[in-house]
Amino acid sequence: MMIIVGSIIGVITGLIGGIIVVVLYNLVAKWVDDNEMKINTHNFFSFFFVKNTYFLRYRRMGSSLKIFF
C-alpha cells in the first residue's frame, strides 16, 4: 500500500516539477530573446550550465514523465 501511495506522490511531484521547469525555461528563453544583445558570452555559457544541471535534476525526480524531456 505504501509503495502505491509513494509512486502516486512521486508522479504528482514529478509532474509539478516538470511543469514548473518548462514554464521557467520558457520565461528565461523569452527573457534571453529580449535581452540578447546585452548578454555576453560568459553569462550565456553559465546560463546554459545552470539550465542543464536543472534539467538533469528534474529528469531524475520525474523519470516516469517523458513528456517534458
PDB file of N, CA and C in Angstrom:
ATOM      1  N   MET A   1       0.834  -1.205   0.000  1.00  0.00           N
ATOM      2  CA  MET A   1       0.000   0.000   0.000  1.00  0.00           C
ATOM      3  C   MET A   1       0.871   1.258   0.000  1.00  0.00           C
ATOM      4  N   MET A   2       1.894   1.289   0.862  1.00  0.00           N
ATOM      5  CA  MET A   2       2.758   2.466   0.921  1.00  0.00           C
ATOM      6  C   MET A   2       3.497   2.685  -0.403  1.00  0.00           C
ATOM      7  N   ILE A   3       3.828   1.570  -1.089  1.00  0.00           N
ATOM      8  CA  ILE A   3       4.541   1.702  -2.367  1.00  0.00           C
ATOM      9  C   ILE A   3       3.651   2.414  -3.386  1.00  0.00           C
ATOM     10  N   ILE A   4       2.362   2.032  -3.415  1.00  0.00           N
ATOM     11  CA  ILE A   4       1.438   2.664  -4.364  1.00  0.00           C
ATOM     12  C   ILE A   4       1.302   4.150  -4.051  1.00  0.00           C
ATOM     13  N   VAL A   5       1.119   4.465  -2.761  1.00  0.00           N
ATOM     14  CA  VAL A   5       0.967   5.875  -2.375  1.00  0.00           C
ATOM     15  C   VAL A   5       2.243   6.646  -2.725  1.00  0.00           C
ATOM     16  N   GLY A   6       3.398   6.046  -2.453  1.00  0.00           N
ATOM     17  CA  GLY A   6       4.656   6.731  -2.757  1.00  0.00           C
ATOM     18  C   GLY A   6       4.827   6.974  -4.240  1.00  0.00           C
ATOM     19  N   SER A   7       4.452   5.992  -5.056  1.00  0.00           N
ATOM     20  CA  SER A   7       4.604   6.185  -6.505  1.00  0.00           C
ATOM     21  C   SER A   7       3.650   7.259  -7.004  1.00  0.00           C
ATOM     22  N   ILE A   8       2.429   7.300  -6.438  1.00  0.00           N
ATOM     23  CA  ILE A   8       1.478   8.346  -6.851  1.00  0.00           C
ATOM     24  C   ILE A   8       2.031   9.718  -6.489  1.00  0.00           C
ATOM     25  N   ILE A   9       2.559   9.839  -5.247  1.00  0.00           N
ATOM     26  CA  ILE A   9       3.134  11.120  -4.823  1.00  0.00           C
ATOM     27  C   ILE A   9       4.308  11.484  -5.723  1.00  0.00           C
ATOM     28  N   GLY A  10       5.138  10.498  -6.063  1.00  0.00           N
ATOM     29  CA  GLY A  10       6.279  10.768  -6.936  1.00  0.00           C
ATOM     30  C   GLY A  10       5.845  11.259  -8.298  1.00  0.00           C
ATOM     31  N   VAL A  11       4.810  10.648  -8.868  1.00  0.00           N
ATOM     32  CA  VAL A  11       4.325  11.074 -10.187  1.00  0.00           C
ATOM     33  C   VAL A  11       3.786  12.498 -10.106  1.00  0.00           C
ATOM     34  N   ILE A  12       3.025  12.795  -9.028  1.00  0.00           N
ATOM     35  CA  ILE A  12       2.440  14.138  -8.910  1.00  0.00           C
ATOM     36  C   ILE A  12       3.547  15.186  -8.768  1.00  0.00           C
ATOM     37  N   THR A  13       4.529  14.912  -7.883  1.00  0.00           N
ATOM     38  CA  THR A  13       5.600  15.897  -7.698  1.00  0.00           C
ATOM     39  C   THR A  13       6.438  16.008  -8.966  1.00  0.00           C
ATOM     40  N   GLY A  14       6.626  14.910  -9.686  1.00  0.00           N
ATOM     41  CA  GLY A  14       7.357  14.972 -10.944  1.00  0.00           C
ATOM     42  C   GLY A  14       6.635  15.819 -11.970  1.00  0.00           C
ATOM     43  N   LEU A  15       5.314  15.658 -12.029  1.00  0.00           N
ATOM     44  CA  LEU A  15       4.516  16.474 -12.951  1.00  0.00           C
ATOM     45  C   LEU A  15       4.638  17.949 -12.611  1.00  0.00           C
ATOM     46  N   ILE A  16       4.445  18.273 -11.317  1.00  0.00           N
ATOM     47  CA  ILE A  16       4.508  19.672 -10.904  1.00  0.00           C
ATOM     48  C   ILE A  16       5.896  20.239 -11.202  1.00  0.00           C
ATOM     49  N   GLY A  17       6.931  19.478 -10.862  1.00  0.00           N
ATOM     50  CA  GLY A  17       8.294  19.937 -11.118  1.00  0.00           C
ATOM     51  C   GLY A  17       8.544  20.131 -12.601  1.00  0.00           C
ATOM     52  N   GLY A  18       8.070  19.194 -13.424  1.00  0.00           N
ATOM     53  CA  GLY A  18       8.262  19.322 -14.861  1.00  0.00           C
ATOM     54  C   GLY A  18       7.563  20.540 -15.421  1.00  0.00           C
ATOM     55  N   ILE A  19       6.325  20.784 -14.959  1.00  0.00           N
ATOM     56  CA  ILE A  19       5.584  21.952 -15.447  1.00  0.00           C
ATOM     57  C   ILE A  19       6.307  23.227 -15.046  1.00  0.00           C
ATOM     58  N   ILE A  20       6.768  23.277 -13.771  1.00  0.00           N
ATOM     59  CA  ILE A  20       7.473  24.478 -13.303  1.00  0.00           C
ATOM     60  C   ILE A  20       8.719  24.705 -14.139  1.00  0.00           C
ATOM     61  N   VAL A  21       9.470  23.617 -14.408  1.00  0.00           N
ATOM     62  CA  VAL A  21      10.703  23.760 -15.189  1.00  0.00           C
ATOM     63  C   VAL A  21      10.386  24.268 -16.588  1.00  0.00           C
ATOM     64  N   VAL A  22       9.344  23.717 -17.221  1.00  0.00           N
ATOM     65  CA  VAL A  22       9.012  24.141 -18.589  1.00  0.00           C
ATOM     66  C   VAL A  22       8.597  25.605 -18.599  1.00  0.00           C
ATOM     67  N   VAL A  23       7.777  26.011 -17.616  1.00  0.00           N
ATOM     68  CA  VAL A  23       7.326  27.410 -17.570  1.00  0.00           C
ATOM     69  C   VAL A  23       8.511  28.336 -17.346  1.00  0.00           C
ATOM     70  N   LEU A  24       9.374  27.978 -16.373  1.00  0.00           N
ATOM     71  CA  LEU A  24      10.542  28.813 -16.107  1.00  0.00           C
ATOM     72  C   LEU A  24      11.455  28.872 -17.324  1.00  0.00           C
ATOM     73  N   TYR A  25      11.644  27.723 -17.983  1.00  0.00           N
ATOM     74  CA  TYR A  25      12.518  27.697 -19.160  1.00  0.00           C
ATOM     75  C   TYR A  25      11.974  28.601 -20.265  1.00  0.00           C
ATOM     76  N   ASN A  26      10.648  28.569 -20.468  1.00  0.00           N
ATOM     77  CA  ASN A  26      10.061  29.435 -21.487  1.00  0.00           C
ATOM     78  C   ASN A  26      10.232  30.902 -21.120  1.00  0.00           C
ATOM     79  N   LEU A  27      10.040  31.224 -19.821  1.00  0.00           N
ATOM     80  CA  LEU A  27      10.225  32.609 -19.387  1.00  0.00           C
ATOM     81  C   LEU A  27      11.667  33.056 -19.601  1.00  0.00           C
ATOM     82  N   VAL A  28      12.617  32.183 -19.207  1.00  0.00           N
ATOM     83  CA  VAL A  28      14.027  32.544 -19.356  1.00  0.00           C
ATOM     84  C   VAL A  28      14.393  32.680 -20.826  1.00  0.00           C
ATOM     85  N   ALA A  29      13.879  31.774 -21.666  1.00  0.00           N
ATOM     86  CA  ALA A  29      14.177  31.850 -23.095  1.00  0.00           C
ATOM     87  C   ALA A  29      13.619  33.149 -23.682  1.00  0.00           C
ATOM     88  N   LYS A  30      12.420  33.530 -23.265  1.00  0.00           N
ATOM     89  CA  LYS A  30      11.840  34.789 -23.733  1.00  0.00           C
ATOM     90  C   LYS A  30      12.688  35.967 -23.261  1.00  0.00           C
ATOM     91  N   TRP A  31      13.120  35.920 -21.998  1.00  0.00           N
ATOM     92  CA  TRP A  31      13.954  37.000 -21.459  1.00  0.00           C
ATOM     93  C   TRP A  31      15.273  37.080 -22.217  1.00  0.00           C
ATOM     94  N   VAL A  32      15.853  35.914 -22.540  1.00  0.00           N
ATOM     95  CA  VAL A  32      17.106  35.901 -23.290  1.00  0.00           C
ATOM     96  C   VAL A  32      16.893  36.489 -24.679  1.00  0.00           C
ATOM     97  N   ASP A  33      15.757  36.145 -25.304  1.00  0.00           N
ATOM     98  CA  ASP A  33      15.470  36.720 -26.621  1.00  0.00           C
ATOM     99  C   ASP A  33      15.352  38.238 -26.538  1.00  0.00           C
ATOM    100  N   ASP A  34      14.692  38.731 -25.471  1.00  0.00           N
ATOM    101  CA  ASP A  34      14.503  40.174 -25.334  1.00  0.00           C
ATOM    102  C   ASP A  34      15.829  40.885 -25.089  1.00  0.00           C
ATOM    103  N   ASN A  35      16.721  40.256 -24.325  1.00  0.00           N
ATOM    104  CA  ASN A  35      17.963  40.921 -23.922  1.00  0.00           C
ATOM    105  C   ASN A  35      19.183  40.317 -24.607  1.00  0.00           C
ATOM    106  N   GLU A  36      18.972  39.780 -25.806  1.00  0.00           N
ATOM    107  CA  GLU A  36      20.033  39.021 -26.458  1.00  0.00           C
ATOM    108  C   GLU A  36      21.282  39.877 -26.671  1.00  0.00           C
ATOM    109  N   MET A  37      21.084  41.141 -27.032  1.00  0.00           N
ATOM    110  CA  MET A  37      22.223  41.992 -27.355  1.00  0.00           C
ATOM    111  C   MET A  37      23.026  42.351 -26.106  1.00  0.00           C
ATOM    112  N   LYS A  38      22.372  42.332 -24.924  1.00  0.00           N
ATOM    113  CA  LYS A  38      23.060  42.762 -23.710  1.00  0.00           C
ATOM    114  C   LYS A  38      23.871  41.639 -23.079  1.00  0.00           C
ATOM    115  N   ILE A  39      23.586  40.380 -23.461  1.00  0.00           N
ATOM    116  CA  ILE A  39      24.208  39.242 -22.774  1.00  0.00           C
ATOM    117  C   ILE A  39      25.543  38.930 -23.448  1.00  0.00           C
ATOM    118  N   ASN A  40      26.612  38.855 -22.656  1.00  0.00           N
ATOM    119  CA  ASN A  40      27.908  38.484 -23.219  1.00  0.00           C
ATOM    120  C   ASN A  40      28.086  36.972 -23.144  1.00  0.00           C
ATOM    121  N   THR A  41      29.156  36.464 -23.725  1.00  0.00           N
ATOM    122  CA  THR A  41      29.306  35.015 -23.870  1.00  0.00           C
ATOM    123  C   THR A  41      29.441  34.332 -22.506  1.00  0.00           C
ATOM    124  N   HIS A  42      30.087  34.983 -21.536  1.00  0.00           N
ATOM    125  CA  HIS A  42      30.266  34.345 -20.229  1.00  0.00           C
ATOM    126  C   HIS A  42      28.914  34.064 -19.575  1.00  0.00           C
ATOM    127  N   ASN A  43      28.024  35.058 -19.559  1.00  0.00           N
ATOM    128  CA  ASN A  43      26.701  34.862 -18.986  1.00  0.00           C
ATOM    129  C   ASN A  43      25.942  33.786 -19.744  1.00  0.00           C
ATOM    130  N   PHE A  44      26.107  33.775 -21.067  1.00  0.00           N
ATOM    131  CA  PHE A  44      25.394  32.801 -21.886  1.00  0.00           C
ATOM    132  C   PHE A  44      25.802  31.382 -21.504  1.00  0.00           C
ATOM    133  N   PHE A  45      27.132  31.151 -21.352  1.00  0.00           N
ATOM    134  CA  PHE A  45      27.573  29.799 -21.044  1.00  0.00           C
ATOM    135  C   PHE A  45      27.192  29.398 -19.628  1.00  0.00           C
ATOM    136  N   SER A  46      27.258  30.326 -18.667  1.00  0.00           N
ATOM    137  CA  SER A  46      26.870  29.982 -17.305  1.00  0.00           C
ATOM    138  C   SER A  46      25.371  29.680 -17.253  1.00  0.00           C
ATOM    139  N   PHE A  47      24.574  30.413 -18.036  1.00  0.00           N
ATOM    140  CA  PHE A  47      23.135  30.140 -18.116  1.00  0.00           C
ATOM    141  C   PHE A  47      22.892  28.745 -18.675  1.00  0.00           C
ATOM    142  N   PHE A  48      23.645  28.370 -19.704  1.00  0.00           N
ATOM    143  CA  PHE A  48      23.495  27.028 -20.264  1.00  0.00           C
ATOM    144  C   PHE A  48      23.832  25.966 -19.235  1.00  0.00           C
ATOM    145  N   PHE A  49      24.923  26.189 -18.473  1.00  0.00           N
ATOM    146  CA  PHE A  49      25.334  25.205 -17.475  1.00  0.00           C
ATOM    147  C   PHE A  49      24.250  25.034 -16.414  1.00  0.00           C
ATOM    148  N   VAL A  50      23.713  26.140 -15.914  1.00  0.00           N
ATOM    149  CA  VAL A  50      22.665  26.067 -14.891  1.00  0.00           C
ATOM    150  C   VAL A  50      21.440  25.348 -15.437  1.00  0.00           C
ATOM    151  N   LYS A  51      21.058  25.697 -16.676  1.00  0.00           N
ATOM    152  CA  LYS A  51      19.871  25.078 -17.271  1.00  0.00           C
ATOM    153  C   LYS A  51      20.039  23.558 -17.382  1.00  0.00           C
ATOM    154  N   ASN A  52      21.240  23.118 -17.812  1.00  0.00           N
ATOM    155  CA  ASN A  52      21.449  21.685 -17.989  1.00  0.00           C
ATOM    156  C   ASN A  52      21.430  20.955 -16.652  1.00  0.00           C
ATOM    157  N   THR A  53      22.027  21.543 -15.588  1.00  0.00           N
ATOM    158  CA  THR A  53      22.014  20.864 -14.296  1.00  0.00           C
ATOM    159  C   THR A  53      20.585  20.779 -13.766  1.00  0.00           C
ATOM    160  N   TYR A  54      19.767  21.836 -13.971  1.00  0.00           N
ATOM    161  CA  TYR A  54      18.381  21.780 -13.530  1.00  0.00           C
ATOM    162  C   TYR A  54      17.612  20.694 -14.276  1.00  0.00           C
ATOM    163  N   PHE A  55      17.845  20.601 -15.585  1.00  0.00           N
ATOM    164  CA  PHE A  55      17.128  19.582 -16.356  1.00  0.00           C
ATOM    165  C   PHE A  55      17.509  18.189 -15.887  1.00  0.00           C
ATOM    166  N   LEU A  56      18.811  17.960 -15.603  1.00  0.00           N
ATOM    167  CA  LEU A  56      19.219  16.637 -15.140  1.00  0.00           C
ATOM    168  C   LEU A  56      18.568  16.319 -13.801  1.00  0.00           C
ATOM    169  N   ARG A  57      18.539  17.306 -12.895  1.00  0.00           N
ATOM    170  CA  ARG A  57      17.959  17.061 -11.579  1.00  0.00           C
ATOM    171  C   ARG A  57      16.489  16.708 -11.700  1.00  0.00           C
ATOM    172  N   TYR A  58      15.738  17.484 -12.503  1.00  0.00           N
ATOM    173  CA  TYR A  58      14.316  17.221 -12.607  1.00  0.00           C
ATOM    174  C   TYR A  58      14.028  15.960 -13.403  1.00  0.00           C
ATOM    175  N   ARG A  59      14.911  15.611 -14.338  1.00  0.00           N
ATOM    176  CA  ARG A  59      14.697  14.376 -15.083  1.00  0.00           C
ATOM    177  C   ARG A  59      14.838  13.187 -14.134  1.00  0.00           C
ATOM    178  N   ARG A  60      15.755  13.280 -13.177  1.00  0.00           N
ATOM    179  CA  ARG A  60      15.903  12.203 -12.209  1.00  0.00           C
ATOM    180  C   ARG A  60      14.670  12.134 -11.309  1.00  0.00           C
ATOM    181  N   MET A  61      14.135  13.302 -10.898  1.00  0.00           N
ATOM    182  CA  MET A  61      12.984  13.312  -9.999  1.00  0.00           C
ATOM    183  C   MET A  61      11.749  12.751 -10.689  1.00  0.00           C
ATOM    184  N   GLY A  62      11.478  13.202 -11.918  1.00  0.00           N
ATOM    185  CA  GLY A  62      10.270  12.763 -12.608  1.00  0.00           C
ATOM    186  C   GLY A  62      10.603  11.869 -13.781  1.00  0.00           C
ATOM    187  N   SER A  63      11.345  10.803 -13.518  1.00  0.00           N
ATOM    188  CA  SER A  63      11.834   9.977 -14.624  1.00  0.00           C
ATOM    189  C   SER A  63      10.689   9.264 -15.340  1.00  0.00           C
ATOM    190  N   SER A  64       9.531   9.114 -14.668  1.00  0.00           N
ATOM    191  CA  SER A  64       8.422   8.435 -15.326  1.00  0.00           C
ATOM    192  C   SER A  64       7.735   9.338 -16.341  1.00  0.00           C
ATOM    193  N   LEU A  65       8.069  10.639 -16.359  1.00  0.00           N
ATOM    194  CA  LEU A  65       7.390  11.571 -17.253  1.00  0.00           C
ATOM    195  C   LEU A  65       8.329  11.941 -18.386  1.00  0.00           C
ATOM    196  N   LYS A  66       8.143  11.292 -19.538  1.00  0.00           N
ATOM    197  CA  LYS A  66       8.973  11.586 -20.695  1.00  0.00           C
ATOM    198  C   LYS A  66       8.351  12.699 -21.545  1.00  0.00           C
ATOM    199  N   ILE A  67       7.251  13.302 -21.064  1.00  0.00           N
ATOM    200  CA  ILE A  67       6.553  14.287 -21.886  1.00  0.00           C
ATOM    201  C   ILE A  67       7.431  15.519 -22.054  1.00  0.00           C
ATOM    202  N   PHE A  68       8.013  15.981 -20.942  1.00  0.00           N
ATOM    203  CA  PHE A  68       8.686  17.270 -20.960  1.00  0.00           C
ATOM    204  C   PHE A  68      10.117  17.161 -21.453  1.00  0.00           C
ATOM    205  N   PHE A  69      10.704  15.954 -21.354  1.00  0.00           N
ATOM    206  CA  PHE A  69      12.154  15.878 -21.568  1.00  0.00           C
ATOM    207  C   PHE A  69      12.436  15.030 -22.809  1.00  0.00           C
TER     208      PHE A  69
END
